[in-house]
Every structure is written in C-alpha cells, then in structure tokens.
Amino acid sequence: MDQLRTLLAVHEEGTALAAARLLGREQSSVQKQLDTMNRNLGEHCGEPLLHKRGRGERVMFTATGEALARLARSTLGEWRAELDAARLRSGRTLSVGSTRYTLGYLLDAVEQVRDRLTQEGVQLRVEHVRTRSLLSKLRSRELDLVCGSVLTSAVAGAAGDARFEGVEVMEWRRSGLALVTNAAESELPDMPVSVRALASMPLVVSADGIIPDALRGWFGPDFRRRMWIAAEIDTAHYGFELLASGVLRASMLVTQGLGEAVAEGLLPEARGLRTLRLLEDLGPPQRVLVGAFRRRGEPETRDPGHPASMLWNSLARRNAEPRDARPRGPAAEGRGNEGRSVENRAGVGRADGGPGTLAPAAGRSVTGTASPVRAGFAPR
C-alpha cells in the first residue's frame, strides 16, 4: 500500500521532491522507493513506469506507468472508501484539514465544540494541506472537512466552477491578488501595477498553488518561459524573508489578504516591504475564494449530532458573527490585528506560530482526543 501511495504521489506532484513534501517524508526515501518500483515492475511489464527528465522537471510516465497509476488510484480509493464508510458511520473519528493561514479560524470553531467531542470520545485528526490538494483530499475521503483558498473565476464563482461539483462551500471571503515588493519607490511607484506589466518584472513565484494557477490563467501554461522568474519558492513565508533580506530586487504575487497584512506591518518577516494593488487588464478576472468545504449530500451532513456536522455548524456560526466581533490575529492570508485572523479579514489563522497553534509540516497530521486543541497537540 505504501508503494502505491508513493507512485500516486509522484504521478500527481510530478517530482520525487514534491511527492516527498506531500507525503511528509524525505526525498531520498521516496526516490529509493520509486527507483525500486521502476526497476522491478519495469522488468515484469517489459518497459519502465517512468522516465526522469531534467532537474526540477516533471517525470514522464510511460503508458504502462499511467495504467498502473490508474490501478493504484482505484485500489487505494476502494480500500479507503470502505474504511472511511465504517469510520463515518461510527462518528468516532473526525479528520479535518487546513492551509497554514486558515488554521486559526478552524481552531476557533473546534474550541466551540471540543467539550462535546471529548464527551463523546471523538478522535480529532488535523492535517496541514496545501492549496493544490485541498479539494482532492476532500473528494478522496481522506478528510471530512477542509479550510483554505481556491482560485476561481470572478464571474462564475463557486456555483459555476466544475471543481466544486459535489462540494458544499462556506464562503468567508473573496478577493483578488496583490503585489509585494522590496523595490524602491523610484523604481516602482506607489500606484496600481497592471497584470501585463508583470511579464517584464523580476518575480518571486511559488512552485505550486494559487499564484502559479493565476499566472497560467493570464499568461498561459508556459508562463515560466515567458516571464522573468527571479526565484521559485515553497512558501510565502520564505518569499517574504527572501525579499526582506535584499539579496535580490523583486516582487511577489500574494493574496489580497496577505498584501493587506504586509501593508499594516502584521508580518514580522515582511517588514520593510510594500504592497501595491494589482490591476487586472489581461485574461479573465480571477478571485481567491477563502472558506470551508465539505462533501455535499453525505449522511453526516443530515445529522446535526454527527461530529462533522457539529464542526461545520460551529464554523457557520463564526462566519455569521459581525466582522468586528470575531477573533483577530497577527497575520496570514487574510489579515487582522489581535487573536487569530487574517485570510478572510475575520479570523483565519495565526502566522506567528504562537502558543496553541497547530503547525505540522505539509502532508503531516496530528491527532488527539480529550481537548482537541490544547491537549494532544504540540504547539510550535
């Protein structure tokens, strides 16, 4: 089963390094397992499963590799579905996920129901997920509920987006993108920057997630060849530190909420950086939808006493509160001041990793019972 998971991770992520991040393992371990499968199964099938390409480029799966990846996905899917069905029927385990900057908002909701969960002996499992795998982990039934951000059309929104088929969406905030820069005002004045101008500017770009998706929408799938990519990063936090160091003069696309947090000095790692508004003058207008997501029509959604429904309803109550009444936090994808808020301008997670904040590595999970937030979890 572990080998099948590794094969699928490489197939979905494209490289051993990205697969290792997804699985929460060392790259060397994933690469060794991949090489073993490629050699053994390749000899058995008559051709290798995949071919390596240049450094950092996606591996190329052969027809045999594609067929085995489909078989692995089906096998794991059926196996997981049976386990999840049993787990959901009993309601004894609740698996939820969030991106880094929506964690605080999730924890606020958990706080409201943790006594009930403890009394009923429910085991809470929280996983840090990346934006790219947010909905796929929900659909694969690995998680019962997820919180995070998804890029969607400004015109159609969630209702007209095929990616949300079968998914119930609780929208917290919808906003555009902004530009954070360390360039001097003489080089880049304090005025809106057009999307077209991005093509000739040195940019710091994340390897995957919302930002690359937005750039593909504006400049096409080969945007990296058409643009000036000064650095590729894994997290926004790393990008802020890189720009703040002054090692290179560049700009970085971020969600509007993160841009606001930078402008207000709420992110220590981004001090000294400026935020500029982005003027969309190219391609379809795009928006970042921040919220909570769950599978539509599941039995537990019709049972208000089911742990998954209790947490969803707790999130809904928090979302219905007046903006000023919600807990607010130092910084993240939205923004805020004191408490736990940022991505949705109302409470979406602590970026400072303060006491009580869950912050496992991407793809890692933490599990606990009897006080899901305060006990059983290791604060950063």
Protein backbone atom coordinates (compact mmCIF):
# COMPACT_ATOMS: atom_id res chain seq x y z
CA MET A 1 0.00 0.00 0.00
CA ASP A 2 2.84 2.36 0.83
CA GLN A 3 4.40 1.82 -2.60
CA LEU A 4 1.06 2.57 -4.27
CA ARG A 5 0.77 5.80 -2.29
CA THR A 6 4.28 6.79 -3.36
CA LEU A 7 3.55 6.03 -7.02
CA LEU A 8 0.36 8.10 -6.90
CA ALA A 9 2.07 10.99 -5.12
CA VAL A 10 4.78 11.17 -7.80
CA HIS A 11 2.15 10.88 -10.54
CA GLU A 12 0.13 13.75 -9.05
CA GLU A 13 3.01 16.01 -7.98
CA GLY A 14 5.37 15.33 -10.87
CA THR A 15 8.67 15.01 -8.97
CA ALA A 16 10.08 12.97 -6.10
CA LEU A 17 10.75 16.18 -4.15
CA ALA A 18 7.16 17.39 -4.44
CA ALA A 19 5.86 13.90 -3.63
CA ALA A 20 8.05 13.80 -0.52
CA ARG A 21 6.58 17.09 0.64
CA LEU A 22 3.07 15.79 0.08
CA LEU A 23 3.78 12.56 1.98
CA GLY A 24 5.78 14.25 4.72
CA ARG A 25 8.86 12.12 4.02
CA GLU A 26 12.47 12.58 2.95
CA GLN A 27 13.11 12.92 -0.78
CA SER A 28 15.75 10.19 -0.66
CA SER A 29 13.23 7.72 0.77
CA VAL A 30 10.68 8.49 -1.94
CA GLN A 31 13.31 8.37 -4.69
CA LYS A 32 14.65 5.00 -3.50
CA GLN A 33 11.16 3.51 -3.41
CA LEU A 34 10.37 4.95 -6.82
CA ASP A 35 13.57 3.56 -8.35
CA THR A 36 12.83 0.12 -6.91
CA MET A 37 9.30 0.09 -8.33
CA ASN A 38 10.50 1.41 -11.67
CA ARG A 39 13.12 -1.36 -11.90
CA ASN A 40 11.09 -4.32 -10.60
CA LEU A 41 7.75 -3.54 -12.20
CA GLY A 42 9.51 -2.34 -15.34
CA GLU A 43 11.21 -5.71 -15.73
CA HIS A 44 7.93 -7.50 -15.13
CA CYS A 45 5.91 -5.36 -17.57
CA GLY A 46 8.54 -5.01 -20.26
CA GLU A 47 9.03 -1.24 -20.01
CA PRO A 48 9.80 1.21 -17.17
CA LEU A 49 6.98 3.02 -15.42
CA LEU A 50 8.50 6.43 -15.98
CA HIS A 51 11.44 8.33 -17.40
CA LYS A 52 13.36 11.00 -15.49
CA ARG A 53 13.86 14.36 -17.15
CA GLY A 54 15.93 17.42 -16.28
CA ARG A 55 16.40 18.56 -12.71
CA GLY A 56 13.21 20.05 -11.32
CA GLU A 57 11.13 18.92 -14.31
CA ARG A 58 8.17 16.58 -14.03
CA VAL A 59 8.88 12.91 -14.67
CA MET A 60 7.28 11.39 -17.77
CA PHE A 61 5.09 8.34 -17.15
CA THR A 62 5.00 5.66 -19.84
CA ALA A 63 1.77 4.02 -20.97
CA THR A 64 2.48 1.20 -18.51
CA GLY A 65 3.12 3.69 -15.73
CA GLU A 66 -0.12 5.53 -16.47
CA ALA A 67 -2.06 2.25 -16.40
CA LEU A 68 -0.52 1.24 -13.06
CA ALA A 69 -1.19 4.70 -11.61
CA ARG A 70 -4.86 4.34 -12.54
CA LEU A 71 -4.95 0.88 -10.98
CA ALA A 72 -3.25 2.16 -7.82
CA ARG A 73 -5.71 5.04 -7.54
CA SER A 74 -8.66 2.68 -7.92
CA THR A 75 -7.28 0.15 -5.44
CA LEU A 76 -6.45 2.72 -2.79
CA GLY A 77 -9.72 4.53 -3.40
CA GLU A 78 -11.84 1.42 -2.83
CA TRP A 79 -9.83 0.43 0.23
CA ARG A 80 -10.06 3.91 1.73
CA ALA A 81 -13.76 4.23 0.92
CA GLU A 82 -14.60 1.11 2.91
CA LEU A 83 -12.55 2.27 5.88
CA ASP A 84 -14.00 5.77 5.73
CA ALA A 85 -17.54 4.45 5.47
CA ALA A 86 -17.05 2.46 8.66
CA ARG A 87 -15.41 5.42 10.38
CA LEU A 88 -18.11 7.88 9.34
CA ARG A 89 -20.90 5.54 10.39
CA SER A 90 -19.48 5.36 13.88
CA GLY A 91 -18.58 9.06 14.04
CA ARG A 92 -15.63 8.17 16.26
CA THR A 93 -13.01 9.96 14.18
CA LEU A 94 -13.13 13.42 12.64
CA SER A 95 -10.47 14.21 10.03
CA VAL A 96 -10.12 17.85 9.03
CA GLY A 97 -7.51 19.84 7.15
CA SER A 98 -6.49 23.43 6.65
CA THR A 99 -3.89 25.53 4.93
CA ARG A 100 -1.45 27.32 7.17
CA TYR A 101 -3.29 30.61 7.10
CA THR A 102 -6.79 29.23 7.77
CA LEU A 103 -5.74 27.11 10.74
CA GLY A 104 -6.62 29.67 13.42
CA TYR A 105 -10.16 30.05 12.12
CA LEU A 106 -10.58 26.26 12.19
CA LEU A 107 -9.22 26.08 15.73
CA ASP A 108 -11.63 28.78 16.91
CA ALA A 109 -14.51 26.62 15.66
CA VAL A 110 -13.05 23.49 17.26
CA GLU A 111 -12.87 25.31 20.60
CA GLN A 112 -16.64 25.75 20.49
CA VAL A 113 -17.35 22.01 20.19
CA ARG A 114 -14.33 20.42 21.85
CA ASP A 115 -16.16 19.61 25.12
CA ARG A 116 -18.85 17.77 23.18
CA LEU A 117 -16.25 15.92 21.12
CA THR A 118 -14.37 14.96 24.27
CA GLN A 119 -17.51 13.71 26.00
CA GLU A 120 -18.34 11.50 23.03
CA GLY A 121 -14.79 10.18 22.76
CA VAL A 122 -14.28 11.53 19.25
CA GLN A 123 -10.72 11.47 17.99
CA LEU A 124 -9.83 14.64 16.12
CA ARG A 125 -7.21 14.43 13.36
CA VAL A 126 -5.93 17.71 11.90
CA GLU A 127 -3.79 17.76 8.76
CA HIS A 128 -1.88 20.60 7.14
CA VAL A 129 -2.83 20.56 3.46
CA ARG A 130 -1.52 22.55 0.54
CA THR A 131 -3.88 24.56 -1.61
CA ARG A 132 -3.25 22.31 -4.59
CA SER A 133 -4.58 19.20 -2.81
CA LEU A 134 -7.35 20.89 -0.83
CA LEU A 135 -10.34 19.58 -2.78
CA SER A 136 -8.71 16.32 -3.89
CA LYS A 137 -8.19 15.24 -0.28
CA LEU A 138 -11.83 16.01 0.39
CA ARG A 139 -13.04 14.03 -2.63
CA SER A 140 -10.75 11.09 -1.89
CA ARG A 141 -12.39 10.95 1.56
CA GLU A 142 -9.06 11.39 3.33
CA LEU A 143 -10.60 14.40 5.09
CA ASP A 144 -14.17 15.16 6.16
CA LEU A 145 -13.84 18.94 6.07
CA VAL A 146 -11.18 21.34 4.79
CA CYS A 147 -10.49 25.06 5.18
CA GLY A 148 -8.42 27.04 2.72
CA SER A 149 -8.28 29.00 -0.50
CA VAL A 150 -9.24 28.14 -4.07
CA LEU A 151 -8.74 30.24 -7.19
CA THR A 152 -11.98 30.74 -9.09
CA SER A 153 -13.49 32.91 -11.80
CA ALA A 154 -14.62 36.35 -10.70
CA VAL A 155 -17.69 35.96 -12.92
CA ALA A 156 -18.89 32.41 -12.27
CA GLY A 157 -17.69 31.98 -8.69
CA ALA A 158 -18.11 28.65 -6.89
CA ALA A 159 -21.55 27.97 -8.33
CA GLY A 160 -20.29 27.91 -11.91
CA ASP A 161 -16.97 26.15 -11.27
CA ALA A 162 -16.89 22.44 -12.15
CA ARG A 163 -14.26 21.83 -9.48
CA PHE A 164 -16.91 22.42 -6.82
CA GLU A 165 -19.30 19.80 -8.16
CA GLY A 166 -20.47 17.70 -5.23
CA VAL A 167 -18.82 20.11 -2.77
CA GLU A 168 -20.62 22.37 -0.32
CA VAL A 169 -18.90 25.73 0.02
CA MET A 170 -18.99 28.07 3.01
CA GLU A 171 -17.50 31.29 1.67
CA TRP A 172 -15.61 33.51 4.12
CA ARG A 173 -14.02 35.93 1.75
CA ARG A 174 -13.44 36.52 -1.94
CA SER A 175 -10.69 38.84 -3.09
CA GLY A 176 -8.07 39.39 -5.75
CA LEU A 177 -4.29 39.35 -5.70
CA ALA A 178 -1.73 41.98 -4.72
CA LEU A 179 1.96 42.62 -5.33
CA VAL A 180 4.50 42.79 -2.51
CA THR A 181 7.87 44.32 -3.40
CA ASN A 182 11.20 45.45 -1.99
CA ALA A 183 11.85 47.77 -4.94
CA ALA A 184 12.36 51.44 -4.16
CA GLU A 185 9.54 53.87 -4.97
CA SER A 186 11.77 55.43 -7.62
CA GLU A 187 11.81 52.06 -9.41
CA LEU A 188 8.22 51.04 -8.71
CA PRO A 189 5.93 53.96 -7.68
CA ASP A 190 3.07 53.55 -5.21
CA MET A 191 0.38 53.05 -7.82
CA PRO A 192 -1.53 50.05 -9.23
CA VAL A 193 0.53 47.62 -11.30
CA SER A 194 -1.09 46.10 -14.38
CA VAL A 195 -1.05 42.35 -14.95
CA ARG A 196 0.56 42.93 -18.35
CA ALA A 197 3.50 44.66 -16.65
CA LEU A 198 4.25 41.54 -14.61
CA ALA A 199 5.78 39.87 -17.68
CA SER A 200 8.77 42.22 -17.60
CA MET A 201 9.25 42.38 -13.83
CA PRO A 202 11.52 40.11 -11.72
CA LEU A 203 9.14 37.94 -9.73
CA VAL A 204 9.35 35.55 -6.82
CA VAL A 205 6.85 32.78 -7.57
CA SER A 206 5.67 29.78 -5.54
CA ALA A 207 6.21 26.35 -7.06
CA ASP A 208 2.54 25.41 -6.94
CA GLY A 209 -0.78 26.63 -5.63
CA ILE A 210 -2.95 29.67 -6.27
CA ILE A 211 -0.28 32.02 -7.64
CA PRO A 212 1.00 29.75 -10.45
CA ASP A 213 -2.62 28.95 -11.31
CA ALA A 214 -3.39 32.65 -11.63
CA LEU A 215 -0.31 33.21 -13.82
CA ARG A 216 -1.36 30.33 -16.08
CA GLY A 217 -4.76 31.95 -16.44
CA TRP A 218 -3.15 35.24 -17.52
CA PHE A 219 -0.06 34.14 -19.45
CA GLY A 220 -0.74 30.52 -20.41
CA PRO A 221 0.69 27.17 -19.26
CA ASP A 222 4.24 28.15 -20.29
CA PHE A 223 4.25 31.34 -18.20
CA ARG A 224 7.63 30.45 -16.68
CA ARG A 225 9.26 30.70 -20.10
CA ARG A 226 7.52 33.95 -20.91
CA MET A 227 8.15 35.72 -17.62
CA TRP A 228 11.12 36.83 -15.53
CA ILE A 229 11.13 34.37 -12.62
CA ALA A 230 13.86 35.60 -10.29
CA ALA A 231 13.24 32.90 -7.66
CA GLU A 232 10.93 29.95 -7.07
CA ILE A 233 9.81 29.37 -3.50
CA ASP A 234 7.92 26.78 -1.49
CA THR A 235 6.06 29.07 0.93
CA ALA A 236 5.05 32.72 1.13
CA HIS A 237 6.94 32.98 4.41
CA TYR A 238 10.19 32.07 2.64
CA GLY A 239 9.42 34.58 -0.10
CA PHE A 240 8.91 37.40 2.39
CA GLU A 241 12.19 36.62 4.13
CA LEU A 242 13.99 36.47 0.79
CA LEU A 243 12.66 39.88 -0.28
CA ALA A 244 13.26 41.44 3.13
CA SER A 245 16.88 40.28 3.03
CA GLY A 246 17.51 42.47 0.00
CA VAL A 247 19.55 39.74 -1.70
CA LEU A 248 17.54 40.39 -4.85
CA ARG A 249 15.27 43.18 -6.02
CA ALA A 250 11.96 41.65 -6.98
CA SER A 251 8.24 41.46 -6.32
CA MET A 252 5.94 38.65 -5.26
CA LEU A 253 2.28 37.99 -6.02
CA VAL A 254 0.20 37.22 -2.92
CA THR A 255 -3.46 37.06 -1.97
CA GLN A 256 -5.01 40.43 -1.25
CA GLY A 257 -5.37 39.49 2.41
CA LEU A 258 -1.66 38.78 2.76
CA GLY A 259 -0.90 42.02 0.95
CA GLU A 260 -3.01 43.91 3.48
CA ALA A 261 -1.22 42.18 6.35
CA VAL A 262 2.15 43.25 4.91
CA ALA A 263 0.96 46.85 4.42
CA GLU A 264 -0.17 47.05 8.04
CA GLY A 265 3.08 45.62 9.40
CA LEU A 266 1.43 42.48 10.77
CA LEU A 267 4.02 40.06 9.36
CA PRO A 268 7.42 40.38 11.08
CA GLU A 269 9.17 38.54 8.23
CA ALA A 270 7.83 41.10 5.72
CA ARG A 271 8.85 44.31 7.45
CA GLY A 272 10.18 46.92 5.08
CA LEU A 273 8.21 45.58 2.11
CA ARG A 274 5.49 47.49 0.26
CA THR A 275 2.14 46.30 -1.08
CA LEU A 276 0.83 47.50 -4.45
CA ARG A 277 -2.63 46.97 -5.88
CA LEU A 278 -2.90 44.77 -8.95
CA LEU A 279 -4.87 46.00 -11.96
CA GLU A 280 -6.28 43.07 -13.98
CA ASP A 281 -6.00 44.10 -17.62
CA LEU A 282 -5.27 40.69 -19.12
CA GLY A 283 -7.25 37.47 -19.41
CA PRO A 284 -10.28 36.52 -17.33
CA PRO A 285 -10.66 38.20 -13.93
CA GLN A 286 -9.73 35.79 -11.14
CA ARG A 287 -10.56 35.74 -7.45
CA VAL A 288 -9.33 33.87 -4.40
CA LEU A 289 -12.22 32.20 -2.58
CA VAL A 290 -11.45 31.52 1.08
CA GLY A 291 -13.71 29.28 3.09
CA ALA A 292 -14.65 25.83 4.37
CA PHE A 293 -15.54 22.89 2.16
CA ARG A 294 -17.22 19.53 2.70
CA ARG A 295 -18.76 16.82 0.53
CA ARG A 296 -22.35 17.54 -0.41
CA GLY A 297 -25.12 15.06 0.37
CA GLU A 298 -23.16 12.85 2.79
CA PRO A 299 -25.21 11.13 5.56
CA GLU A 300 -23.37 13.06 8.28
CA THR A 301 -24.44 16.39 6.75
CA ARG A 302 -28.04 15.47 7.55
CA ASP A 303 -27.28 14.55 11.16
CA PRO A 304 -26.64 17.69 13.27
CA GLY A 305 -25.26 15.48 16.05
CA HIS A 306 -22.52 13.98 13.88
CA PRO A 307 -19.04 15.35 14.74
CA ALA A 308 -18.50 16.60 11.17
CA SER A 309 -21.81 18.49 11.25
CA MET A 310 -21.10 19.93 14.68
CA LEU A 311 -17.82 21.40 13.47
CA TRP A 312 -19.34 22.67 10.21
CA ASN A 313 -22.15 24.39 12.12
CA SER A 314 -19.60 25.89 14.51
CA LEU A 315 -17.73 27.35 11.54
CA ALA A 316 -21.02 28.68 10.16
CA ARG A 317 -21.79 30.43 13.45
CA ARG A 318 -18.36 32.03 13.49
CA ASN A 319 -18.81 33.12 9.91
CA ALA A 320 -22.19 34.69 10.72
CA GLU A 321 -20.78 36.85 13.51
CA PRO A 322 -20.22 40.55 12.80
CA ARG A 323 -16.70 41.08 11.49
CA ASP A 324 -15.62 43.19 14.47
CA ALA A 325 -16.83 40.54 16.93
CA ARG A 326 -14.65 37.75 15.54
CA PRO A 327 -11.24 36.85 16.95
CA ARG A 328 -8.48 38.58 15.08
CA GLY A 329 -4.88 37.61 14.64
CA PRO A 330 -1.35 38.80 13.93
CA ALA A 331 -1.30 37.82 10.28
CA ALA A 332 -1.86 35.39 7.46
CA GLU A 333 -3.61 35.15 4.11
CA GLY A 334 -6.41 37.48 5.09
CA ARG A 335 -5.39 39.97 7.73
CA GLY A 336 -6.14 41.03 11.29
CA ASN A 337 -4.72 42.54 14.50
CA GLU A 338 -5.07 40.57 17.69
CA GLY A 339 -6.02 36.94 18.07
CA ARG A 340 -6.34 34.51 15.20
CA SER A 341 -7.27 36.16 11.95
CA VAL A 342 -6.12 37.06 8.53
CA GLU A 343 -7.12 35.28 5.32
CA ASN A 344 -10.79 36.25 5.45
CA ARG A 345 -10.29 39.52 7.26
CA ALA A 346 -12.15 37.97 10.10
CA GLY A 347 -10.13 35.22 11.63
CA VAL A 348 -8.09 32.89 9.55
CA GLY A 349 -5.13 31.68 11.42
CA ARG A 350 -2.03 32.74 13.22
CA ALA A 351 1.04 33.19 11.12
CA ASP A 352 3.32 33.66 14.09
CA GLY A 353 3.01 30.06 15.27
CA GLY A 354 2.01 31.25 18.72
CA PRO A 355 1.01 29.10 21.69
CA GLY A 356 -1.72 26.64 20.92
CA THR A 357 -1.20 26.86 17.18
CA LEU A 358 -1.08 23.58 15.28
CA ALA A 359 1.55 23.71 12.60
CA PRO A 360 2.51 20.28 11.28
CA ALA A 361 4.52 20.03 8.09
CA ALA A 362 2.58 19.80 4.85
CA GLY A 363 1.16 16.34 4.43
CA ARG A 364 1.72 15.60 8.13
CA SER A 365 -1.14 15.25 10.55
CA VAL A 366 -1.63 15.49 14.28
CA THR A 367 -4.15 13.53 16.25
CA GLY A 368 -5.58 13.96 19.70
CA THR A 369 -8.52 13.38 21.99
CA ALA A 370 -9.75 14.94 25.22
CA SER A 371 -9.28 18.61 24.45
CA PRO A 372 -8.57 18.52 20.73
CA VAL A 373 -6.89 21.92 20.70
CA ARG A 374 -5.00 22.24 23.95
CA ALA A 375 -4.07 18.64 24.65
CA GLY A 376 -2.61 16.03 22.39
CA PHE A 377 -1.01 18.59 20.05
CA ALA A 378 2.47 20.04 20.10
CA PRO A 379 2.41 23.84 19.82
CA ARG A 380 5.14 25.48 17.80
